[in-house]
Amino acid sequence: MRLHGTIQARPAEVFRLQEQPVLRPAPTQRYDLPRYATVKVHRDHHLEIGRALYSVPGNLIGTHGQVRADSQLVRIFSRGQLVKVHPRTAVGTRSPDPADLHTERTAYAMRDLDQLQRIAAATARSRMPA
C-alpha cells in the first residue's frame, strides 16, 4: 500500500487509528429539511410562510424578511439578524405575538372577543345622544 503524497501516511491506517474511533452512529431519523424564503412583511405585521401567518415587529412593515422554517420552528431574519422565532403552525392559522402589535390593534389581532365587545360597547355609549 502506498503512502499518501500530502500526509505521508497510509489513508487506511489514518482512518483506522484516528478517524474511526471518534465516528458516531449514523442518524436513524430523517433530516428535517428546512424551507428558506424571502417574504414581504405586510401592513398587518404578519408575513406568510407555508400558508400560515407569523407576526413580526412593526418596524419591519414593508420590508422583506428572510425565513428559515422547519417542521418545528419558523425563524425570521432581517438584514442577517434573527428578529423573531415562532413555533410552526398549521396551514391557515396565525401566530401573532401581542408584543409585535400596536396597543390599539392587539385585541383584533389576537381575536380577543371579550375585549372587542367591550370596545364596541364603549364606542356605542360614547356616540349615544345624551
C-alpha atoms as a PDB file:
ATOM      1  CA  MET A   1       0.000   0.000   0.000  1.00  0.00           C
ATOM      2  CA  ARG A   2       1.398   3.386  -0.995  1.00  0.00           C
ATOM      3  CA  LEU A   3       1.823   6.472   1.163  1.00  0.00           C
ATOM      4  CA  HIS A   4      -0.374   9.498   0.548  1.00  0.00           C
ATOM      5  CA  GLY A   5       1.710  12.252  -1.026  1.00  0.00           C
ATOM      6  CA  THR A   6       0.456  15.077   1.215  1.00  0.00           C
ATOM      7  CA  ILE A   7       0.180  13.447   4.635  1.00  0.00           C
ATOM      8  CA  GLN A   8       2.949  10.868   4.125  1.00  0.00           C
ATOM      9  CA  ALA A   9       0.828   8.104   5.666  1.00  0.00           C
ATOM     10  CA  ARG A  10      -1.391   5.288   4.526  1.00  0.00           C
ATOM     11  CA  PRO A  11      -5.009   6.569   4.329  1.00  0.00           C
ATOM     12  CA  ALA A  12      -6.479   3.279   5.590  1.00  0.00           C
ATOM     13  CA  GLU A  13      -4.249   3.395   8.676  1.00  0.00           C
ATOM     14  CA  VAL A  14      -5.052   7.052   9.383  1.00  0.00           C
ATOM     15  CA  PHE A  15      -8.759   6.211   9.174  1.00  0.00           C
ATOM     16  CA  ARG A  16      -8.466   3.134  11.424  1.00  0.00           C
ATOM     17  CA  LEU A  17      -6.324   4.838  14.088  1.00  0.00           C
ATOM     18  CA  GLN A  18      -7.625   8.437  14.160  1.00  0.00           C
ATOM     19  CA  GLU A  19     -10.996   8.781  12.486  1.00  0.00           C
ATOM     20  CA  GLN A  20     -12.895   5.547  13.112  1.00  0.00           C
ATOM     21  CA  PRO A  21     -12.699   5.722  16.953  1.00  0.00           C
ATOM     22  CA  VAL A  22     -14.463   9.129  17.007  1.00  0.00           C
ATOM     23  CA  LEU A  23     -17.218   8.350  14.488  1.00  0.00           C
ATOM     24  CA  ARG A  24     -20.744   8.438  15.859  1.00  0.00           C
ATOM     25  CA  PRO A  25     -23.534   6.173  14.625  1.00  0.00           C
ATOM     26  CA  ALA A  26     -25.434   7.313  11.558  1.00  0.00           C
ATOM     27  CA  PRO A  27     -28.738   9.094  12.295  1.00  0.00           C
ATOM     28  CA  THR A  28     -31.804   6.886  12.287  1.00  0.00           C
ATOM     29  CA  GLN A  29     -34.328   9.701  11.741  1.00  0.00           C
ATOM     30  CA  ARG A  30     -34.822  11.587   8.505  1.00  0.00           C
ATOM     31  CA  TYR A  31     -33.227  15.021   8.305  1.00  0.00           C
ATOM     32  CA  ASP A  32     -35.748  17.812   8.911  1.00  0.00           C
ATOM     33  CA  LEU A  33     -35.223  19.684   5.667  1.00  0.00           C
ATOM     34  CA  PRO A  34     -35.863  23.411   6.291  1.00  0.00           C
ATOM     35  CA  ARG A  35     -37.532  25.730   3.819  1.00  0.00           C
ATOM     36  CA  TYR A  36     -35.852  29.050   3.088  1.00  0.00           C
ATOM     37  CA  ALA A  37     -37.742  32.003   1.661  1.00  0.00           C
ATOM     38  CA  THR A  38     -37.658  35.770   1.354  1.00  0.00           C
ATOM     39  CA  VAL A  39     -41.080  37.211   2.082  1.00  0.00           C
ATOM     40  CA  LYS A  40     -42.608  40.662   2.473  1.00  0.00           C
ATOM     41  CA  VAL A  41     -43.914  41.874   5.832  1.00  0.00           C
ATOM     42  CA  HIS A  42     -47.455  43.143   5.313  1.00  0.00           C
ATOM     43  CA  ARG A  43     -49.183  46.116   6.967  1.00  0.00           C
ATOM     44  CA  ASP A  44     -50.850  43.830   9.491  1.00  0.00           C
ATOM     45  CA  HIS A  45     -47.404  42.966  10.974  1.00  0.00           C
ATOM     46  CA  HIS A  46     -47.502  39.451   9.512  1.00  0.00           C
ATOM     47  CA  LEU A  47     -45.656  37.534   6.875  1.00  0.00           C
ATOM     48  CA  GLU A  48     -46.782  34.326   5.225  1.00  0.00           C
ATOM     49  CA  ILE A  49     -44.814  31.129   5.093  1.00  0.00           C
ATOM     50  CA  GLY A  50     -46.301  27.745   4.301  1.00  0.00           C
ATOM     51  CA  ARG A  51     -49.784  29.340   4.060  1.00  0.00           C
ATOM     52  CA  ALA A  52     -49.664  30.346   7.738  1.00  0.00           C
ATOM     53  CA  LEU A  53     -49.159  33.850   9.171  1.00  0.00           C
ATOM     54  CA  TYR A  54     -46.443  34.879  11.639  1.00  0.00           C
ATOM     55  CA  SER A  55     -46.130  38.300  13.294  1.00  0.00           C
ATOM     56  CA  VAL A  56     -43.038  40.477  13.358  1.00  0.00           C
ATOM     57  CA  PRO A  57     -42.256  43.848  14.978  1.00  0.00           C
ATOM     58  CA  GLY A  58     -43.851  46.892  13.358  1.00  0.00           C
ATOM     59  CA  ASN A  59     -40.569  48.472  12.287  1.00  0.00           C
ATOM     60  CA  LEU A  60     -40.281  45.722   9.646  1.00  0.00           C
ATOM     61  CA  ILE A  61     -43.559  46.525   7.848  1.00  0.00           C
ATOM     62  CA  GLY A  62     -42.938  46.834   4.115  1.00  0.00           C
ATOM     63  CA  THR A  63     -39.525  45.183   4.237  1.00  0.00           C
ATOM     64  CA  HIS A  64     -38.545  41.721   3.097  1.00  0.00           C
ATOM     65  CA  GLY A  65     -37.533  39.181   5.720  1.00  0.00           C
ATOM     66  CA  GLN A  66     -35.554  36.027   5.271  1.00  0.00           C
ATOM     67  CA  VAL A  67     -37.266  32.978   6.757  1.00  0.00           C
ATOM     68  CA  ARG A  68     -35.995  29.550   7.765  1.00  0.00           C
ATOM     69  CA  ALA A  69     -38.894  27.207   8.507  1.00  0.00           C
ATOM     70  CA  ASP A  70     -38.557  23.583   9.539  1.00  0.00           C
ATOM     71  CA  SER A  71     -41.183  21.254  10.989  1.00  0.00           C
ATOM     72  CA  GLN A  72     -40.896  22.766  14.493  1.00  0.00           C
ATOM     73  CA  LEU A  73     -39.858  26.437  14.243  1.00  0.00           C
ATOM     74  CA  VAL A  74     -40.040  29.470  11.986  1.00  0.00           C
ATOM     75  CA  ARG A  75     -37.040  31.771  12.330  1.00  0.00           C
ATOM     76  CA  ILE A  76     -37.336  35.252  10.839  1.00  0.00           C
ATOM     77  CA  PHE A  77     -34.284  37.329   9.976  1.00  0.00           C
ATOM     78  CA  SER A  78     -33.897  40.935   8.900  1.00  0.00           C
ATOM     79  CA  ARG A  79     -30.591  42.072   7.436  1.00  0.00           C
ATOM     80  CA  GLY A  80     -28.940  38.919   8.705  1.00  0.00           C
ATOM     81  CA  GLN A  81     -30.153  39.363  12.304  1.00  0.00           C
ATOM     82  CA  LEU A  82     -32.617  36.996  13.963  1.00  0.00           C
ATOM     83  CA  VAL A  83     -35.672  39.091  14.908  1.00  0.00           C
ATOM     84  CA  LYS A  84     -38.333  36.511  15.756  1.00  0.00           C
ATOM     85  CA  VAL A  85     -38.854  32.816  16.417  1.00  0.00           C
ATOM     86  CA  HIS A  86     -42.321  31.268  16.263  1.00  0.00           C
ATOM     87  CA  PRO A  87     -43.429  27.674  16.731  1.00  0.00           C
ATOM     88  CA  ARG A  88     -44.585  26.259  13.402  1.00  0.00           C
ATOM     89  CA  THR A  89     -48.365  26.416  12.994  1.00  0.00           C
ATOM     90  CA  ALA A  90     -50.794  24.618  10.723  1.00  0.00           C
ATOM     91  CA  VAL A  91     -51.882  25.819   7.303  1.00  0.00           C
ATOM     92  CA  GLY A  92     -54.488  28.580   7.560  1.00  0.00           C
ATOM     93  CA  THR A  93     -53.592  29.596  11.129  1.00  0.00           C
ATOM     94  CA  ARG A  94     -51.881  32.626  12.643  1.00  0.00           C
ATOM     95  CA  SER A  95     -49.109  33.026  15.185  1.00  0.00           C
ATOM     96  CA  PRO A  96     -49.458  36.598  16.491  1.00  0.00           C
ATOM     97  CA  ASP A  97     -47.322  37.954  19.313  1.00  0.00           C
ATOM     98  CA  PRO A  98     -49.003  40.854  21.186  1.00  0.00           C
ATOM     99  CA  ALA A  99     -45.580  42.461  21.659  1.00  0.00           C
ATOM    100  CA  ASP A 100     -45.347  42.943  17.880  1.00  0.00           C
ATOM    101  CA  LEU A 101     -48.603  44.852  17.554  1.00  0.00           C
ATOM    102  CA  HIS A 102     -49.745  48.393  18.296  1.00  0.00           C
ATOM    103  CA  THR A 103     -51.774  48.537  21.505  1.00  0.00           C
ATOM    104  CA  GLU A 104     -54.968  49.559  19.717  1.00  0.00           C
ATOM    105  CA  ARG A 105     -54.689  46.611  17.311  1.00  0.00           C
ATOM    106  CA  THR A 106     -53.841  43.898  19.811  1.00  0.00           C
ATOM    107  CA  ALA A 107     -57.430  42.882  20.662  1.00  0.00           C
ATOM    108  CA  TYR A 108     -58.324  42.497  16.987  1.00  0.00           C
ATOM    109  CA  ALA A 109     -55.156  40.655  16.021  1.00  0.00           C
ATOM    110  CA  MET A 110     -55.388  38.299  18.994  1.00  0.00           C
ATOM    111  CA  ARG A 111     -59.100  37.686  18.272  1.00  0.00           C
ATOM    112  CA  ASP A 112     -59.974  38.672  21.867  1.00  0.00           C
ATOM    113  CA  LEU A 113     -63.757  38.700  21.551  1.00  0.00           C
ATOM    114  CA  ASP A 114     -64.383  39.912  25.104  1.00  0.00           C
ATOM    115  CA  GLN A 115     -62.127  42.919  24.606  1.00  0.00           C
ATOM    116  CA  LEU A 116     -63.633  43.667  21.186  1.00  0.00           C
ATOM    117  CA  GLN A 117     -67.151  43.590  22.662  1.00  0.00           C
ATOM    118  CA  ARG A 118     -66.094  45.997  25.434  1.00  0.00           C
ATOM    119  CA  ILE A 119     -64.584  48.366  22.848  1.00  0.00           C
ATOM    120  CA  ALA A 120     -67.762  48.205  20.734  1.00  0.00           C
ATOM    121  CA  ALA A 121     -69.988  48.835  23.754  1.00  0.00           C
ATOM    122  CA  ALA A 122     -67.870  51.806  24.874  1.00  0.00           C
ATOM    123  CA  THR A 123     -67.927  53.246  21.344  1.00  0.00           C
ATOM    124  CA  ALA A 124     -71.697  52.830  21.122  1.00  0.00           C
ATOM    125  CA  ARG A 125     -72.173  54.527  24.530  1.00  0.00           C
ATOM    126  CA  SER A 126     -69.965  57.451  23.534  1.00  0.00           C
ATOM    127  CA  ARG A 127     -71.996  58.037  20.369  1.00  0.00           C
ATOM    128  CA  MET A 128     -75.424  57.894  22.008  1.00  0.00           C
ATOM    129  CA  PRO A 129     -77.176  61.236  22.382  1.00  0.00           C
ATOM    130  CA  ALA A 130     -77.432  62.465  25.945  1.00  0.00           C
END
